Amino acid sequence: MDEGAAGHPPILRSKHHAAPSVFTPESLLREARRQKQLGSGAVPEICILDPDGDMVRHLLATARARKHPGWACYHTDLYAFEVDGHEVGIVGCVVGAAFAVLVAEELFASGCRFLLSVTSAGQILPTQAPPYFIVIDRALRDEGTSYHYLPPADYSQADAGLVRLGREALGEAGIAVQVGASWTTDAPFRETAEAVNAAMNAGVLAVEMEAAALYAFAAARGRPVLCFAHVTNQMGRIEGDFEKGLADGAEESLKVISLAARRWRQLGRPASAASDGGPNGPRPRPERARTAGS
């Protein structure tokens, strides 16, 4: 390996962002379906990443979700539940940038058309007392995965139309929501005072672990992805922290998801503004089995 390539660390070397990947989610899923003896049915068109797993646990505890039979991923289970008579998919405990994007790639390769993420986040700027929601419009790239999808830059940017969709959907329902930047980290237990102060001085609202990578993937692939931060804590700096609300915040988070999903359908299922689809996309969608209300 060339250790002296302009003084860059390996993560910034030999990244040909316009080149297709040799390994694709389609090839992985093909082999998973073969081994698991699964058909090629599609996942729901709207899917959710639930890094904390609170929504999934609540849906299962209240008998509102069932395991989706066609999900071939080796690493996760996909559950299906209904929102306004439409089936929605949800994957729990997808924590961290690399894992979130791995699952996002497989979801879109399996028929997903709009991906939402609601992640628990730590407060940086003390704008109000937790818990509350943020529509993340850009995410500081302090993780590794985004650099495999986009050239270096400070932030991954959300699709402006989807940010507006999220803000308006929640605002019209009377849910107080902020719009702004998050800081995506791979190392939550290395959130030093200096790093927190730097994020605060940059106007960052909260810290989380997925958004920068998901938005880089979305931009590179031309996929519609919208990330919400559920600010639930002050990074353990006070007693009684991490209180999320009723049912560990699951009901409020599900309401946010339902409002965003409804608005996306009302607007005619808009795609991301980035439409070239990147070197490996857009890809053909699997056939979707029709269900009641779809």
C-alpha atoms as a PDB file:
ATOM      1  CA  MET A   1       0.000   0.000   0.000  1.00  0.00           C
ATOM      2  CA  ASP A   2       1.152   3.530  -0.749  1.00  0.00           C
ATOM      3  CA  GLU A   3       1.399   5.162   2.682  1.00  0.00           C
ATOM      4  CA  GLY A   4       2.491   8.481   1.252  1.00  0.00           C
ATOM      5  CA  ALA A   5      -0.381   9.305  -1.100  1.00  0.00           C
ATOM      6  CA  ALA A   6      -0.541  13.056  -0.508  1.00  0.00           C
ATOM      7  CA  GLY A   7      -0.479  12.336   3.227  1.00  0.00           C
ATOM      8  CA  HIS A   8      -4.049  11.004   3.161  1.00  0.00           C
ATOM      9  CA  PRO A   9      -5.175   8.139   5.394  1.00  0.00           C
ATOM     10  CA  PRO A  10      -6.450   4.971   3.666  1.00  0.00           C
ATOM     11  CA  ILE A  11     -10.092   6.008   3.904  1.00  0.00           C
ATOM     12  CA  LEU A  12      -9.376   8.931   1.552  1.00  0.00           C
ATOM     13  CA  ARG A  13      -7.168   7.003  -0.899  1.00  0.00           C
ATOM     14  CA  SER A  14      -8.164   4.989  -3.990  1.00  0.00           C
ATOM     15  CA  LYS A  15     -11.794   6.077  -3.823  1.00  0.00           C
ATOM     16  CA  HIS A  16     -13.173   6.119  -7.382  1.00  0.00           C
ATOM     17  CA  HIS A  17     -16.646   7.399  -6.612  1.00  0.00           C
ATOM     18  CA  ALA A  18     -17.958   7.126 -10.180  1.00  0.00           C
ATOM     19  CA  ALA A  19     -16.880   3.497 -10.562  1.00  0.00           C
ATOM     20  CA  PRO A  20     -19.390   0.678  -9.998  1.00  0.00           C
ATOM     21  CA  SER A  21     -18.920  -1.682  -7.085  1.00  0.00           C
ATOM     22  CA  VAL A  22     -17.799  -5.235  -7.784  1.00  0.00           C
ATOM     23  CA  PHE A  23     -19.905  -6.463  -4.848  1.00  0.00           C
ATOM     24  CA  THR A  24     -23.556  -5.412  -5.055  1.00  0.00           C
ATOM     25  CA  PRO A  25     -26.588  -5.807  -2.787  1.00  0.00           C
ATOM     26  CA  GLU A  26     -28.363  -7.656  -5.594  1.00  0.00           C
ATOM     27  CA  SER A  27     -25.703 -10.369  -5.676  1.00  0.00           C
ATOM     28  CA  LEU A  28     -25.764 -10.750  -1.902  1.00  0.00           C
ATOM     29  CA  LEU A  29     -29.553 -10.969  -1.834  1.00  0.00           C
ATOM     30  CA  ARG A  30     -29.569 -13.419  -4.741  1.00  0.00           C
ATOM     31  CA  GLU A  31     -27.429 -15.834  -2.769  1.00  0.00           C
ATOM     32  CA  ALA A  32     -29.348 -15.223   0.461  1.00  0.00           C
ATOM     33  CA  ARG A  33     -32.629 -16.032  -1.295  1.00  0.00           C
ATOM     34  CA  ARG A  34     -31.100 -19.172  -2.782  1.00  0.00           C
ATOM     35  CA  GLN A  35     -29.807 -20.363   0.577  1.00  0.00           C
ATOM     36  CA  LYS A  36     -33.008 -19.456   2.445  1.00  0.00           C
ATOM     37  CA  GLN A  37     -35.244 -20.735  -0.378  1.00  0.00           C
ATOM     38  CA  LEU A  38     -37.079 -17.415  -0.650  1.00  0.00           C
ATOM     39  CA  GLY A  39     -38.905 -15.984  -3.632  1.00  0.00           C
ATOM     40  CA  SER A  40     -38.281 -12.557  -5.154  1.00  0.00           C
ATOM     41  CA  GLY A  41     -41.181 -10.642  -3.568  1.00  0.00           C
ATOM     42  CA  ALA A  42     -40.624  -6.976  -2.783  1.00  0.00           C
ATOM     43  CA  VAL A  43     -40.491  -5.202   0.563  1.00  0.00           C
ATOM     44  CA  PRO A  44     -42.997  -2.376   1.286  1.00  0.00           C
ATOM     45  CA  GLU A  45     -42.402   0.827  -0.682  1.00  0.00           C
ATOM     46  CA  ILE A  46     -41.868   2.822   2.534  1.00  0.00           C
ATOM     47  CA  CYS A  47     -39.374   1.419   5.024  1.00  0.00           C
ATOM     48  CA  ILE A  48     -38.040   2.670   8.348  1.00  0.00           C
ATOM     49  CA  LEU A  49     -34.726   2.312  10.141  1.00  0.00           C
ATOM     50  CA  ASP A  50     -35.227   2.188  13.919  1.00  0.00           C
ATOM     51  CA  PRO A  51     -31.697   2.223  15.396  1.00  0.00           C
ATOM     52  CA  ASP A  52     -32.842   2.043  19.027  1.00  0.00           C
ATOM     53  CA  GLY A  53     -35.387  -0.693  18.284  1.00  0.00           C
ATOM     54  CA  ASP A  54     -38.049   0.994  20.440  1.00  0.00           C
ATOM     55  CA  MET A  55     -40.633   1.215  17.656  1.00  0.00           C
ATOM     56  CA  VAL A  56     -40.159  -2.433  16.675  1.00  0.00           C
ATOM     57  CA  ARG A  57     -40.452  -3.646  20.260  1.00  0.00           C
ATOM     58  CA  HIS A  58     -43.578  -1.542  20.808  1.00  0.00           C
ATOM     59  CA  LEU A  59     -45.216  -2.732  17.586  1.00  0.00           C
ATOM     60  CA  LEU A  60     -44.550  -6.351  18.506  1.00  0.00           C
ATOM     61  CA  ALA A  61     -45.719  -5.880  22.105  1.00  0.00           C
ATOM     62  CA  THR A  62     -49.002  -4.414  20.844  1.00  0.00           C
ATOM     63  CA  ALA A  63     -49.428  -7.113  18.166  1.00  0.00           C
ATOM     64  CA  ARG A  64     -49.341  -4.567  15.342  1.00  0.00           C
ATOM     65  CA  ALA A  65     -46.413  -5.968  13.335  1.00  0.00           C
ATOM     66  CA  ARG A  66     -45.485  -9.254  11.713  1.00  0.00           C
ATOM     67  CA  LYS A  67     -42.235 -10.526  10.284  1.00  0.00           C
ATOM     68  CA  HIS A  68     -42.037  -9.887   6.537  1.00  0.00           C
ATOM     69  CA  PRO A  69     -41.612 -13.237   4.766  1.00  0.00           C
ATOM     70  CA  GLY A  70     -39.651 -11.973   1.763  1.00  0.00           C
ATOM     71  CA  TRP A  71     -36.774 -10.129   3.455  1.00  0.00           C
ATOM     72  CA  ALA A  72     -33.547 -11.957   2.573  1.00  0.00           C
ATOM     73  CA  CYS A  73     -31.007  -9.927   4.584  1.00  0.00           C
ATOM     74  CA  TYR A  74     -28.566 -12.100   6.532  1.00  0.00           C
ATOM     75  CA  HIS A  75     -28.255  -9.665   9.427  1.00  0.00           C
ATOM     76  CA  THR A  76     -31.717  -8.322  10.268  1.00  0.00           C
ATOM     77  CA  ASP A  77     -35.431  -9.007  10.406  1.00  0.00           C
ATOM     78  CA  LEU A  78     -37.916  -6.789   8.583  1.00  0.00           C
ATOM     79  CA  TYR A  79     -41.320  -6.300  10.187  1.00  0.00           C
ATOM     80  CA  ALA A  80     -44.439  -5.016   8.430  1.00  0.00           C
ATOM     81  CA  PHE A  81     -47.272  -2.954   9.898  1.00  0.00           C
ATOM     82  CA  GLU A  82     -50.026  -0.725   8.527  1.00  0.00           C
ATOM     83  CA  VAL A  83     -50.114   3.066   8.259  1.00  0.00           C
ATOM     84  CA  ASP A  84     -53.298   4.542   6.759  1.00  0.00           C
ATOM     85  CA  GLY A  85     -54.124   1.171   5.244  1.00  0.00           C
ATOM     86  CA  HIS A  86     -50.720   0.802   3.564  1.00  0.00           C
ATOM     87  CA  GLU A  87     -48.044  -1.687   4.538  1.00  0.00           C
ATOM     88  CA  VAL A  88     -44.817  -0.158   5.892  1.00  0.00           C
ATOM     89  CA  GLY A  89     -41.584  -1.993   6.672  1.00  0.00           C
ATOM     90  CA  ILE A  90     -39.355  -1.446   9.695  1.00  0.00           C
ATOM     91  CA  VAL A  91     -35.928  -2.781  10.689  1.00  0.00           C
ATOM     92  CA  GLY A  92     -34.813  -2.410  14.296  1.00  0.00           C
ATOM     93  CA  CYS A  93     -31.428  -1.941  15.970  1.00  0.00           C
ATOM     94  CA  VAL A  94     -29.635  -0.772  12.813  1.00  0.00           C
ATOM     95  CA  VAL A  95     -27.046   1.177  14.798  1.00  0.00           C
ATOM     96  CA  GLY A  96     -24.176   3.060  13.167  1.00  0.00           C
ATOM     97  CA  ALA A  97     -23.341   4.421   9.748  1.00  0.00           C
ATOM     98  CA  ALA A  98     -21.965   1.308   8.060  1.00  0.00           C
ATOM     99  CA  PHE A  99     -24.782  -0.963   9.229  1.00  0.00           C
ATOM    100  CA  ALA A 100     -27.465   1.584   8.324  1.00  0.00           C
ATOM    101  CA  VAL A 101     -26.192   1.959   4.767  1.00  0.00           C
ATOM    102  CA  LEU A 102     -25.737  -1.789   4.308  1.00  0.00           C
ATOM    103  CA  VAL A 103     -29.405  -2.269   5.192  1.00  0.00           C
ATOM    104  CA  ALA A 104     -30.470   0.759   3.121  1.00  0.00           C
ATOM    105  CA  GLU A 105     -28.717  -0.656   0.043  1.00  0.00           C
ATOM    106  CA  GLU A 106     -30.517  -3.969   0.491  1.00  0.00           C
ATOM    107  CA  LEU A 107     -33.897  -2.330   1.125  1.00  0.00           C
ATOM    108  CA  PHE A 108     -33.764  -0.302  -2.083  1.00  0.00           C
ATOM    109  CA  ALA A 109     -32.529  -3.344  -4.003  1.00  0.00           C
ATOM    110  CA  SER A 110     -35.593  -5.166  -2.637  1.00  0.00           C
ATOM    111  CA  GLY A 111     -38.214  -2.644  -3.739  1.00  0.00           C
ATOM    112  CA  CYS A 112     -38.159   0.165  -1.161  1.00  0.00           C
ATOM    113  CA  ARG A 113     -38.954   3.580  -2.668  1.00  0.00           C
ATOM    114  CA  PHE A 114     -38.695   5.893   0.370  1.00  0.00           C
ATOM    115  CA  LEU A 115     -36.539   5.313   3.448  1.00  0.00           C
ATOM    116  CA  LEU A 116     -37.051   7.059   6.780  1.00  0.00           C
ATOM    117  CA  SER A 117     -34.751   6.915   9.783  1.00  0.00           C
ATOM    118  CA  VAL A 118     -35.652   7.996  13.329  1.00  0.00           C
ATOM    119  CA  THR A 119     -32.609   7.846  15.570  1.00  0.00           C
ATOM    120  CA  SER A 120     -32.138   8.750  19.195  1.00  0.00           C
ATOM    121  CA  ALA A 121     -29.750  11.698  19.455  1.00  0.00           C
ATOM    122  CA  GLY A 122     -27.800  13.643  22.043  1.00  0.00           C
ATOM    123  CA  GLN A 123     -28.400  17.343  22.440  1.00  0.00           C
ATOM    124  CA  ILE A 124     -25.608  19.705  21.336  1.00  0.00           C
ATOM    125  CA  LEU A 125     -27.267  23.130  21.205  1.00  0.00           C
ATOM    126  CA  PRO A 126     -29.681  23.431  24.156  1.00  0.00           C
ATOM    127  CA  THR A 127     -32.602  24.888  22.219  1.00  0.00           C
ATOM    128  CA  GLN A 128     -35.254  23.229  24.410  1.00  0.00           C
ATOM    129  CA  ALA A 129     -35.671  20.422  26.929  1.00  0.00           C
ATOM    130  CA  PRO A 130     -35.670  16.864  25.483  1.00  0.00           C
ATOM    131  CA  PRO A 131     -37.404  14.969  24.058  1.00  0.00           C
ATOM    132  CA  TYR A 132     -38.084  16.663  20.710  1.00  0.00           C
ATOM    133  CA  PHE A 133     -37.578  16.005  16.999  1.00  0.00           C
ATOM    134  CA  ILE A 134     -35.220  17.453  14.401  1.00  0.00           C
ATOM    135  CA  VAL A 135     -35.496  17.103  10.639  1.00  0.00           C
ATOM    136  CA  ILE A 136     -31.829  16.682   9.746  1.00  0.00           C
ATOM    137  CA  ASP A 137     -31.011  18.841   6.734  1.00  0.00           C
ATOM    138  CA  ARG A 138     -27.267  18.143   6.760  1.00  0.00           C
ATOM    139  CA  ALA A 139     -24.961  15.921   8.788  1.00  0.00           C
ATOM    140  CA  LEU A 140     -21.341  16.461   9.774  1.00  0.00           C
ATOM    141  CA  ARG A 141     -19.291  13.634   8.283  1.00  0.00           C
ATOM    142  CA  ASP A 142     -17.370  12.402  11.326  1.00  0.00           C
ATOM    143  CA  GLU A 143     -17.766   8.745  10.314  1.00  0.00           C
ATOM    144  CA  GLY A 144     -16.262   6.552   7.632  1.00  0.00           C
ATOM    145  CA  THR A 145     -18.994   5.228   5.369  1.00  0.00           C
ATOM    146  CA  SER A 146     -19.890   8.485   3.620  1.00  0.00           C
ATOM    147  CA  TYR A 147     -16.357   8.772   2.160  1.00  0.00           C
ATOM    148  CA  HIS A 148     -16.947   5.603   0.146  1.00  0.00           C
ATOM    149  CA  TYR A 149     -19.940   7.230  -1.572  1.00  0.00           C
ATOM    150  CA  LEU A 150     -18.952  10.906  -1.969  1.00  0.00           C
ATOM    151  CA  PRO A 151     -15.731  12.920  -2.141  1.00  0.00           C
ATOM    152  CA  PRO A 152     -14.593  14.575   1.095  1.00  0.00           C
ATOM    153  CA  ALA A 153     -16.656  17.488   2.405  1.00  0.00           C
ATOM    154  CA  ASP A 154     -17.710  18.664   5.839  1.00  0.00           C
ATOM    155  CA  TYR A 155     -21.382  17.725   5.488  1.00  0.00           C
ATOM    156  CA  SER A 156     -23.703  15.316   3.738  1.00  0.00           C
ATOM    157  CA  GLN A 157     -26.714  17.249   2.511  1.00  0.00           C
ATOM    158  CA  ALA A 158     -30.307  16.053   2.663  1.00  0.00           C
ATOM    159  CA  ASP A 159     -32.631  16.439  -0.307  1.00  0.00           C
ATOM    160  CA  ALA A 160     -34.228  19.874   0.195  1.00  0.00           C
ATOM    161  CA  GLY A 161     -37.638  18.746  -1.020  1.00  0.00           C
ATOM    162  CA  LEU A 162     -37.729  15.865   1.450  1.00  0.00           C
ATOM    163  CA  VAL A 163     -36.646  18.145   4.300  1.00  0.00           C
ATOM    164  CA  ARG A 164     -39.508  20.478   3.412  1.00  0.00           C
ATOM    165  CA  LEU A 165     -41.863  17.480   3.284  1.00  0.00           C
ATOM    166  CA  GLY A 166     -40.849  16.442   6.799  1.00  0.00           C
ATOM    167  CA  ARG A 167     -41.039  19.928   8.263  1.00  0.00           C
ATOM    168  CA  GLU A 168     -44.451  20.668   6.784  1.00  0.00           C
ATOM    169  CA  ALA A 169     -45.934  17.273   7.642  1.00  0.00           C
ATOM    170  CA  LEU A 170     -45.011  17.604  11.309  1.00  0.00           C
ATOM    171  CA  GLY A 171     -45.726  21.321  11.567  1.00  0.00           C
ATOM    172  CA  GLU A 172     -49.239  21.003  10.181  1.00  0.00           C
ATOM    173  CA  ALA A 173     -49.959  18.299  12.777  1.00  0.00           C
ATOM    174  CA  GLY A 174     -48.883  20.611  15.582  1.00  0.00           C
ATOM    175  CA  ILE A 175     -45.649  18.750  16.394  1.00  0.00           C
ATOM    176  CA  ALA A 176     -42.862  21.133  17.336  1.00  0.00           C
ATOM    177  CA  VAL A 177     -39.933  20.293  15.088  1.00  0.00           C
ATOM    178  CA  GLN A 178     -36.589  21.901  14.401  1.00  0.00           C
ATOM    179  CA  VAL A 179     -34.659  21.744  11.144  1.00  0.00           C
ATOM    180  CA  GLY A 180     -30.889  21.771  11.163  1.00  0.00           C
ATOM    181  CA  ALA A 181     -27.566  19.993  11.270  1.00  0.00           C
ATOM    182  CA  SER A 182     -26.519  16.890  13.133  1.00  0.00           C
ATOM    183  CA  TRP A 183     -23.078  15.491  13.868  1.00  0.00           C
ATOM    184  CA  THR A 184     -22.681  11.848  12.807  1.00  0.00           C
ATOM    185  CA  THR A 185     -20.041   9.984  14.794  1.00  0.00           C
ATOM    186  CA  ASP A 186     -18.722   6.435  14.766  1.00  0.00           C
ATOM    187  CA  ALA A 187     -17.462   6.734  18.333  1.00  0.00           C
ATOM    188  CA  PRO A 188     -20.092   7.903  20.831  1.00  0.00           C
ATOM    189  CA  PHE A 189     -17.771   7.373  23.775  1.00  0.00           C
ATOM    190  CA  ARG A 190     -15.214   9.718  22.204  1.00  0.00           C
ATOM    191  CA  GLU A 191     -17.484  12.753  22.278  1.00  0.00           C
ATOM    192  CA  THR A 192     -14.907  14.921  24.018  1.00  0.00           C
ATOM    193  CA  ALA A 193     -15.586  18.380  25.398  1.00  0.00           C
ATOM    194  CA  GLU A 194     -13.497  19.826  22.579  1.00  0.00           C
ATOM    195  CA  ALA A 195     -15.469  17.967  19.905  1.00  0.00           C
ATOM    196  CA  VAL A 196     -18.790  18.931  21.471  1.00  0.00           C
ATOM    197  CA  ASN A 197     -17.744  22.585  21.658  1.00  0.00           C
ATOM    198  CA  ALA A 198     -16.616  22.532  18.015  1.00  0.00           C
ATOM    199  CA  ALA A 199     -19.983  21.105  16.949  1.00  0.00           C
ATOM    200  CA  MET A 200     -21.801  23.687  19.057  1.00  0.00           C
ATOM    201  CA  ASN A 201     -19.790  26.518  17.496  1.00  0.00           C
ATOM    202  CA  ALA A 202     -20.709  25.177  14.048  1.00  0.00           C
ATOM    203  CA  GLY A 203     -24.406  25.408  14.910  1.00  0.00           C
ATOM    204  CA  VAL A 204     -24.930  21.644  15.090  1.00  0.00           C
ATOM    205  CA  LEU A 205     -28.108  20.729  16.959  1.00  0.00           C
ATOM    206  CA  ALA A 206     -27.536  17.098  17.934  1.00  0.00           C
ATOM    207  CA  VAL A 207     -25.208  14.100  17.675  1.00  0.00           C
ATOM    208  CA  GLU A 208     -26.212  10.720  16.230  1.00  0.00           C
ATOM    209  CA  MET A 209     -24.646   7.798  14.366  1.00  0.00           C
ATOM    210  CA  GLU A 210     -26.231   7.302  10.922  1.00  0.00           C
ATOM    211  CA  ALA A 211     -27.403  10.398   9.030  1.00  0.00           C
ATOM    212  CA  ALA A 212     -24.201  11.495   7.252  1.00  0.00           C
ATOM    213  CA  ALA A 213     -23.734   8.054   5.736  1.00  0.00           C
ATOM    214  CA  LEU A 214     -27.400   7.662   4.790  1.00  0.00           C
ATOM    215  CA  TYR A 215     -27.454  11.069   3.085  1.00  0.00           C
ATOM    216  CA  ALA A 216     -24.202  10.331   1.219  1.00  0.00           C
ATOM    217  CA  PHE A 217     -25.679   7.040   0.016  1.00  0.00           C
ATOM    218  CA  ALA A 218     -28.893   8.845  -0.979  1.00  0.00           C
ATOM    219  CA  ALA A 219     -27.018  11.473  -2.981  1.00  0.00           C
ATOM    220  CA  ALA A 220     -24.728   8.969  -4.700  1.00  0.00           C
ATOM    221  CA  ARG A 221     -27.541   6.576  -5.593  1.00  0.00           C
ATOM    222  CA  GLY A 222     -30.345   9.050  -6.207  1.00  0.00           C
ATOM    223  CA  ARG A 223     -32.491   7.469  -3.496  1.00  0.00           C
ATOM    224  CA  PRO A 224     -35.054   9.303  -1.330  1.00  0.00           C
ATOM    225  CA  VAL A 225     -33.927   9.167   2.305  1.00  0.00           C
ATOM    226  CA  LEU A 226     -35.067  11.400   5.167  1.00  0.00           C
ATOM    227  CA  CYS A 227     -33.541  11.314   8.652  1.00  0.00           C
ATOM    228  CA  PHE A 228     -35.124  12.502  11.877  1.00  0.00           C
ATOM    229  CA  ALA A 229     -33.234  12.929  15.142  1.00  0.00           C
ATOM    230  CA  HIS A 230     -35.237  12.251  18.273  1.00  0.00           C
ATOM    231  CA  VAL A 231     -33.287  14.307  20.801  1.00  0.00           C
ATOM    232  CA  THR A 232     -33.688  12.283  23.983  1.00  0.00           C
ATOM    233  CA  ASN A 233     -30.597  12.994  26.055  1.00  0.00           C
ATOM    234  CA  GLN A 234     -27.773  15.298  27.054  1.00  0.00           C
ATOM    235  CA  MET A 235     -25.133  12.573  26.640  1.00  0.00           C
ATOM    236  CA  GLY A 236     -25.605  11.359  30.207  1.00  0.00           C
ATOM    237  CA  ARG A 237     -24.339  14.590  31.736  1.00  0.00           C
ATOM    238  CA  ILE A 238     -27.332  14.911  34.071  1.00  0.00           C
ATOM    239  CA  GLU A 239     -29.173  12.521  36.371  1.00  0.00           C
ATOM    240  CA  GLY A 240     -32.422  11.172  34.946  1.00  0.00           C
ATOM    241  CA  ASP A 241     -31.224  11.462  31.337  1.00  0.00           C
ATOM    242  CA  PHE A 242     -32.420   9.353  28.358  1.00  0.00           C
ATOM    243  CA  GLU A 243     -36.122   9.704  29.154  1.00  0.00           C
ATOM    244  CA  LYS A 244     -37.861   9.325  25.782  1.00  0.00           C
ATOM    245  CA  GLY A 245     -41.503   9.614  26.805  1.00  0.00           C
ATOM    246  CA  LEU A 246     -44.444   7.216  26.623  1.00  0.00           C
ATOM    247  CA  ALA A 247     -43.494   3.682  25.473  1.00  0.00           C
ATOM    248  CA  ASP A 248     -39.844   4.783  25.243  1.00  0.00           C
ATOM    249  CA  GLY A 249     -40.881   7.406  22.700  1.00  0.00           C
ATOM    250  CA  ALA A 250     -42.189   4.790  20.271  1.00  0.00           C
ATOM    251  CA  GLU A 251     -45.692   6.231  19.856  1.00  0.00           C
ATOM    252  CA  GLU A 252     -44.395   9.742  19.112  1.00  0.00           C
ATOM    253  CA  SER A 253     -41.823   8.363  16.675  1.00  0.00           C
ATOM    254  CA  LEU A 254     -44.482   6.277  14.921  1.00  0.00           C
ATOM    255  CA  LYS A 255     -46.652   9.383  14.624  1.00  0.00           C
ATOM    256  CA  VAL A 256     -43.758  11.246  12.984  1.00  0.00           C
ATOM    257  CA  ILE A 257     -43.257   8.355  10.558  1.00  0.00           C
ATOM    258  CA  SER A 258     -46.962   8.184   9.751  1.00  0.00           C
ATOM    259  CA  LEU A 259     -47.154  11.906   8.991  1.00  0.00           C
ATOM    260  CA  ALA A 260     -44.087  11.834   6.732  1.00  0.00           C
ATOM    261  CA  ALA A 261     -45.317   8.714   4.916  1.00  0.00           C
ATOM    262  CA  ARG A 262     -48.765  10.226   4.366  1.00  0.00           C
ATOM    263  CA  ARG A 263     -47.280  13.444   2.960  1.00  0.00           C
ATOM    264  CA  TRP A 264     -44.950  11.518   0.645  1.00  0.00           C
ATOM    265  CA  ARG A 265     -47.937   9.667  -0.821  1.00  0.00           C
ATOM    266  CA  GLN A 266     -50.005  12.862  -1.072  1.00  0.00           C
ATOM    267  CA  LEU A 267     -47.207  14.499  -3.066  1.00  0.00           C
ATOM    268  CA  GLY A 268     -47.138  11.649  -5.559  1.00  0.00           C
ATOM    269  CA  ARG A 269     -44.235   9.615  -4.128  1.00  0.00           C
ATOM    270  CA  PRO A 270     -41.432  12.065  -5.020  1.00  0.00           C
ATOM    271  CA  ALA A 271     -37.975  10.700  -5.677  1.00  0.00           C
ATOM    272  CA  SER A 272     -34.786  12.344  -4.521  1.00  0.00           C
ATOM    273  CA  ALA A 273     -33.673  15.400  -6.467  1.00  0.00           C
ATOM    274  CA  ALA A 274     -30.450  13.526  -7.239  1.00  0.00           C
ATOM    275  CA  SER A 275     -31.717  11.414 -10.116  1.00  0.00           C
ATOM    276  CA  ASP A 276     -28.645   9.964 -11.826  1.00  0.00           C
ATOM    277  CA  GLY A 277     -28.645   7.020  -9.442  1.00  0.00           C
ATOM    278  CA  GLY A 278     -24.857   6.774  -9.119  1.00  0.00           C
ATOM    279  CA  PRO A 279     -22.612   4.077 -10.566  1.00  0.00           C
ATOM    280  CA  ASN A 280     -24.776   1.198  -9.322  1.00  0.00           C
ATOM    281  CA  GLY A 281     -28.261   2.670  -9.678  1.00  0.00           C
ATOM    282  CA  PRO A 282     -31.046   3.292 -10.056  1.00  0.00           C
ATOM    283  CA  ARG A 283     -31.874  -0.373 -10.171  1.00  0.00           C
ATOM    284  CA  PRO A 284     -34.986  -2.200 -11.396  1.00  0.00           C
ATOM    285  CA  ARG A 285     -37.491  -2.813  -8.598  1.00  0.00           C
ATOM    286  CA  PRO A 286     -38.695  -6.328  -7.761  1.00  0.00           C
ATOM    287  CA  GLU A 287     -42.320  -7.164  -8.367  1.00  0.00           C
ATOM    288  CA  ARG A 288     -44.438  -6.217  -5.372  1.00  0.00           C
ATOM    289  CA  ALA A 289     -47.161  -8.480  -4.070  1.00  0.00           C
ATOM    290  CA  ARG A 290     -50.345  -6.452  -3.640  1.00  0.00           C
ATOM    291  CA  THR A 291     -51.910  -6.274  -0.209  1.00  0.00           C
ATOM    292  CA  ALA A 292     -55.168  -4.786   1.014  1.00  0.00           C
ATOM    293  CA  GLY A 293     -55.053  -1.012   0.720  1.00  0.00           C
ATOM    294  CA  SER A 294     -51.943  -0.892  -1.470  1.00  0.00           C
END
